[in-house]
């Protein structure tokens, strides 16, 4: 792996990182633009498990589906249109 020379700004060193979080999206370093999908998927599953744990005994599937769509789906679909 090639290492870059340290950049300095106002007397401080700016570190090189392989991933950076910007506006809730995890960006990956590389030659091409890349987004870390694993970060969004883990947030989705965390939210889904929380919702499903609370409504596990609910007999109405439409209520469960509406809650998952309202609370969990935005984690997956955030910034996908960009």
N, C-alpha and C. Protein backbone atom coordinates (compact mmCIF):
# COMPACT_ATOMS: atom_id res chain seq x y z
N UNK A 1 0.83 -1.17 0.00
CA UNK A 1 0.00 0.00 0.00
C UNK A 1 0.88 1.24 0.00
N UNK A 2 0.53 2.21 -0.79
CA UNK A 2 1.26 3.46 -0.84
C UNK A 2 0.75 4.39 0.25
N UNK A 3 1.69 4.98 0.95
CA UNK A 3 1.32 5.93 1.99
C UNK A 3 1.60 7.34 1.51
N UNK A 4 0.70 8.24 1.81
CA UNK A 4 0.83 9.63 1.40
C UNK A 4 1.61 10.40 2.46
N UNK A 5 2.25 11.47 2.01
CA UNK A 5 2.94 12.34 2.94
C UNK A 5 1.89 13.09 3.76
N UNK A 6 2.22 13.31 5.04
CA UNK A 6 1.28 13.99 5.93
C UNK A 6 1.02 15.42 5.46
N UNK A 7 -0.24 15.81 5.49
CA UNK A 7 -0.62 17.17 5.17
C UNK A 7 -0.74 17.96 6.46
N UNK A 8 -0.30 19.21 6.40
CA UNK A 8 -0.42 20.06 7.57
C UNK A 8 -1.31 21.25 7.24
N UNK A 9 -2.09 21.65 8.22
CA UNK A 9 -2.96 22.80 8.07
C UNK A 9 -2.99 23.54 9.39
N UNK A 10 -2.57 24.77 9.36
CA UNK A 10 -2.57 25.62 10.54
C UNK A 10 -1.77 24.99 11.69
N UNK A 11 -0.67 24.36 11.34
CA UNK A 11 0.21 23.77 12.33
C UNK A 11 -0.19 22.38 12.78
N UNK A 12 -1.33 21.87 12.34
CA UNK A 12 -1.77 20.53 12.72
C UNK A 12 -1.69 19.56 11.55
N UNK A 13 -1.53 18.31 11.85
CA UNK A 13 -1.42 17.27 10.81
C UNK A 13 -2.81 16.73 10.50
N UNK A 14 -3.11 16.65 9.20
CA UNK A 14 -4.37 16.06 8.74
C UNK A 14 -4.07 14.60 8.42
N UNK A 15 -4.71 13.69 9.12
CA UNK A 15 -4.43 12.27 8.95
C UNK A 15 -5.12 11.72 7.71
N UNK A 16 -4.48 10.75 7.06
CA UNK A 16 -5.09 10.03 5.94
C UNK A 16 -5.88 8.86 6.50
N UNK A 17 -7.14 8.76 6.10
CA UNK A 17 -8.00 7.66 6.54
C UNK A 17 -8.58 6.97 5.31
N UNK A 18 -8.98 5.73 5.48
CA UNK A 18 -9.55 4.96 4.37
C UNK A 18 -11.05 5.15 4.23
N UNK A 19 -11.69 5.59 5.33
CA UNK A 19 -13.13 5.85 5.32
C UNK A 19 -13.40 7.13 6.08
N UNK A 20 -14.39 7.88 5.61
CA UNK A 20 -14.78 9.12 6.29
C UNK A 20 -16.30 9.24 6.25
N UNK A 21 -16.88 9.66 7.35
CA UNK A 21 -18.33 9.83 7.42
C UNK A 21 -18.65 11.28 7.10
N UNK A 22 -19.50 11.49 6.09
CA UNK A 22 -19.90 12.84 5.68
C UNK A 22 -21.40 12.84 5.45
N UNK A 23 -22.12 13.65 6.21
CA UNK A 23 -23.58 13.76 6.14
C UNK A 23 -24.28 12.41 6.27
N UNK A 24 -23.76 11.57 7.14
CA UNK A 24 -24.39 10.28 7.41
C UNK A 24 -24.04 9.19 6.43
N UNK A 25 -23.16 9.46 5.46
CA UNK A 25 -22.76 8.46 4.48
C UNK A 25 -21.28 8.18 4.66
N UNK A 26 -20.89 6.90 4.69
CA UNK A 26 -19.50 6.52 4.86
C UNK A 26 -18.84 6.45 3.49
N UNK A 27 -17.92 7.38 3.23
CA UNK A 27 -17.21 7.43 1.95
C UNK A 27 -15.91 6.64 2.06
N UNK A 28 -15.54 5.95 0.97
CA UNK A 28 -14.32 5.16 0.94
C UNK A 28 -13.27 5.86 0.09
N UNK A 29 -12.02 5.77 0.51
CA UNK A 29 -10.91 6.34 -0.26
C UNK A 29 -10.54 5.39 -1.39
N UNK A 30 -10.14 5.94 -2.52
CA UNK A 30 -9.73 5.13 -3.65
C UNK A 30 -9.68 5.94 -4.93
N UNK A 31 -9.35 5.28 -6.02
CA UNK A 31 -9.30 5.96 -7.31
C UNK A 31 -10.68 6.40 -7.78
N UNK A 32 -11.69 5.60 -7.50
CA UNK A 32 -13.07 5.90 -7.88
C UNK A 32 -13.88 6.23 -6.64
N UNK A 33 -14.96 6.97 -6.86
CA UNK A 33 -15.86 7.31 -5.77
C UNK A 33 -16.52 6.05 -5.24
N UNK A 34 -16.52 5.88 -3.93
CA UNK A 34 -17.12 4.70 -3.34
C UNK A 34 -17.83 5.02 -2.03
N UNK A 35 -18.87 4.27 -1.75
CA UNK A 35 -19.65 4.43 -0.53
C UNK A 35 -19.68 3.08 0.16
N UNK A 36 -19.51 3.10 1.48
CA UNK A 36 -19.55 1.86 2.26
C UNK A 36 -21.00 1.50 2.55
N UNK A 37 -21.50 0.49 1.86
CA UNK A 37 -22.89 0.05 2.01
C UNK A 37 -23.08 -0.71 3.32
N UNK A 38 -22.05 -1.36 3.81
CA UNK A 38 -22.14 -2.15 5.04
C UNK A 38 -22.59 -1.28 6.22
N UNK A 39 -22.13 -0.04 6.25
CA UNK A 39 -22.51 0.88 7.32
C UNK A 39 -24.02 1.13 7.31
N UNK A 40 -24.59 1.36 6.13
CA UNK A 40 -26.03 1.61 6.03
C UNK A 40 -26.84 0.35 6.34
N UNK A 41 -26.34 -0.81 5.91
CA UNK A 41 -27.05 -2.06 6.19
C UNK A 41 -27.06 -2.37 7.68
N UNK A 42 -25.96 -2.13 8.36
CA UNK A 42 -25.93 -2.42 9.80
C UNK A 42 -26.87 -1.49 10.56
N UNK A 43 -26.98 -0.23 10.13
CA UNK A 43 -27.95 0.67 10.76
C UNK A 43 -29.38 0.21 10.51
N UNK A 44 -29.65 -0.28 9.30
CA UNK A 44 -30.98 -0.78 8.97
C UNK A 44 -31.34 -1.98 9.86
N UNK A 45 -30.44 -2.95 9.96
CA UNK A 45 -30.74 -4.14 10.75
C UNK A 45 -30.87 -3.81 12.23
N UNK A 46 -30.10 -2.87 12.73
CA UNK A 46 -30.23 -2.45 14.12
C UNK A 46 -31.61 -1.85 14.37
N UNK A 47 -32.04 -0.98 13.47
CA UNK A 47 -33.36 -0.37 13.60
C UNK A 47 -34.47 -1.40 13.43
N UNK A 48 -34.32 -2.29 12.46
CA UNK A 48 -35.33 -3.34 12.22
C UNK A 48 -35.48 -4.23 13.44
N UNK A 49 -34.36 -4.65 14.03
CA UNK A 49 -34.43 -5.52 15.21
C UNK A 49 -35.09 -4.82 16.39
N UNK A 50 -34.83 -3.52 16.53
CA UNK A 50 -35.46 -2.76 17.61
C UNK A 50 -36.97 -2.69 17.43
N UNK A 51 -37.41 -2.39 16.21
CA UNK A 51 -38.85 -2.30 15.92
C UNK A 51 -39.49 -3.68 16.08
N UNK A 52 -38.87 -4.69 15.52
CA UNK A 52 -39.45 -6.03 15.55
C UNK A 52 -39.52 -6.58 16.98
N UNK A 53 -38.55 -6.24 17.80
CA UNK A 53 -38.57 -6.68 19.19
C UNK A 53 -39.76 -6.09 19.94
N UNK A 54 -40.09 -4.82 19.65
CA UNK A 54 -41.18 -4.15 20.34
C UNK A 54 -42.55 -4.65 19.90
N UNK A 55 -42.68 -5.06 18.64
CA UNK A 55 -44.00 -5.44 18.12
C UNK A 55 -44.06 -6.93 17.77
N UNK A 56 -43.25 -7.74 18.39
CA UNK A 56 -43.19 -9.17 18.06
C UNK A 56 -44.51 -9.87 18.31
N UNK A 57 -45.25 -9.42 19.30
CA UNK A 57 -46.52 -10.07 19.64
C UNK A 57 -47.70 -9.48 18.90
N UNK A 58 -47.48 -8.48 18.11
CA UNK A 58 -48.57 -7.83 17.37
C UNK A 58 -49.08 -8.78 16.29
N UNK A 59 -50.37 -8.94 16.22
CA UNK A 59 -50.96 -9.87 15.26
C UNK A 59 -51.22 -9.24 13.90
N UNK A 60 -51.16 -7.93 13.82
CA UNK A 60 -51.46 -7.25 12.57
C UNK A 60 -50.16 -7.00 11.79
N UNK A 61 -50.00 -7.72 10.67
CA UNK A 61 -48.78 -7.61 9.88
C UNK A 61 -48.64 -6.24 9.22
N UNK A 62 -49.78 -5.58 8.93
CA UNK A 62 -49.72 -4.27 8.30
C UNK A 62 -49.12 -3.22 9.23
N UNK A 63 -49.37 -3.35 10.52
CA UNK A 63 -48.79 -2.43 11.49
C UNK A 63 -47.28 -2.61 11.55
N UNK A 64 -46.84 -3.86 11.58
CA UNK A 64 -45.41 -4.15 11.60
C UNK A 64 -44.74 -3.64 10.33
N UNK A 65 -45.36 -3.87 9.19
CA UNK A 65 -44.81 -3.41 7.92
C UNK A 65 -44.72 -1.89 7.86
N UNK A 66 -45.74 -1.22 8.36
CA UNK A 66 -45.73 0.25 8.37
C UNK A 66 -44.63 0.79 9.28
N UNK A 67 -44.45 0.18 10.43
CA UNK A 67 -43.40 0.62 11.34
C UNK A 67 -42.01 0.40 10.75
N UNK A 68 -41.80 -0.74 10.13
CA UNK A 68 -40.50 -1.02 9.49
C UNK A 68 -40.27 -0.05 8.35
N UNK A 69 -41.29 0.22 7.56
CA UNK A 69 -41.16 1.17 6.46
C UNK A 69 -40.87 2.57 6.97
N UNK A 70 -41.48 2.95 8.06
CA UNK A 70 -41.31 4.30 8.60
C UNK A 70 -39.97 4.50 9.28
N UNK A 71 -39.53 3.53 10.07
CA UNK A 71 -38.35 3.71 10.90
C UNK A 71 -37.08 3.08 10.33
N UNK A 72 -37.17 1.96 9.66
CA UNK A 72 -35.97 1.23 9.24
C UNK A 72 -35.57 1.51 7.80
N UNK A 73 -36.53 1.62 6.93
CA UNK A 73 -36.22 1.78 5.51
C UNK A 73 -35.41 3.03 5.19
N UNK A 74 -35.63 4.16 5.86
CA UNK A 74 -34.81 5.34 5.54
C UNK A 74 -33.31 5.12 5.74
N UNK A 75 -32.91 4.23 6.64
CA UNK A 75 -31.49 3.95 6.80
C UNK A 75 -30.91 3.32 5.54
N UNK A 76 -31.69 2.49 4.88
CA UNK A 76 -31.21 1.85 3.65
C UNK A 76 -31.24 2.81 2.46
N UNK A 77 -32.25 3.63 2.37
CA UNK A 77 -32.45 4.45 1.19
C UNK A 77 -31.84 5.84 1.28
N UNK A 78 -31.23 6.18 2.43
CA UNK A 78 -30.66 7.51 2.59
C UNK A 78 -29.54 7.73 1.59
N UNK A 79 -29.66 8.74 0.80
CA UNK A 79 -28.64 9.20 -0.15
C UNK A 79 -28.40 8.20 -1.30
N UNK A 80 -29.35 7.34 -1.59
CA UNK A 80 -29.16 6.42 -2.72
C UNK A 80 -29.41 7.10 -4.05
N UNK A 81 -30.16 8.18 -4.06
CA UNK A 81 -30.40 8.86 -5.32
C UNK A 81 -29.18 9.63 -5.80
N UNK A 82 -28.23 9.89 -4.89
CA UNK A 82 -27.00 10.59 -5.31
C UNK A 82 -26.08 9.60 -5.97
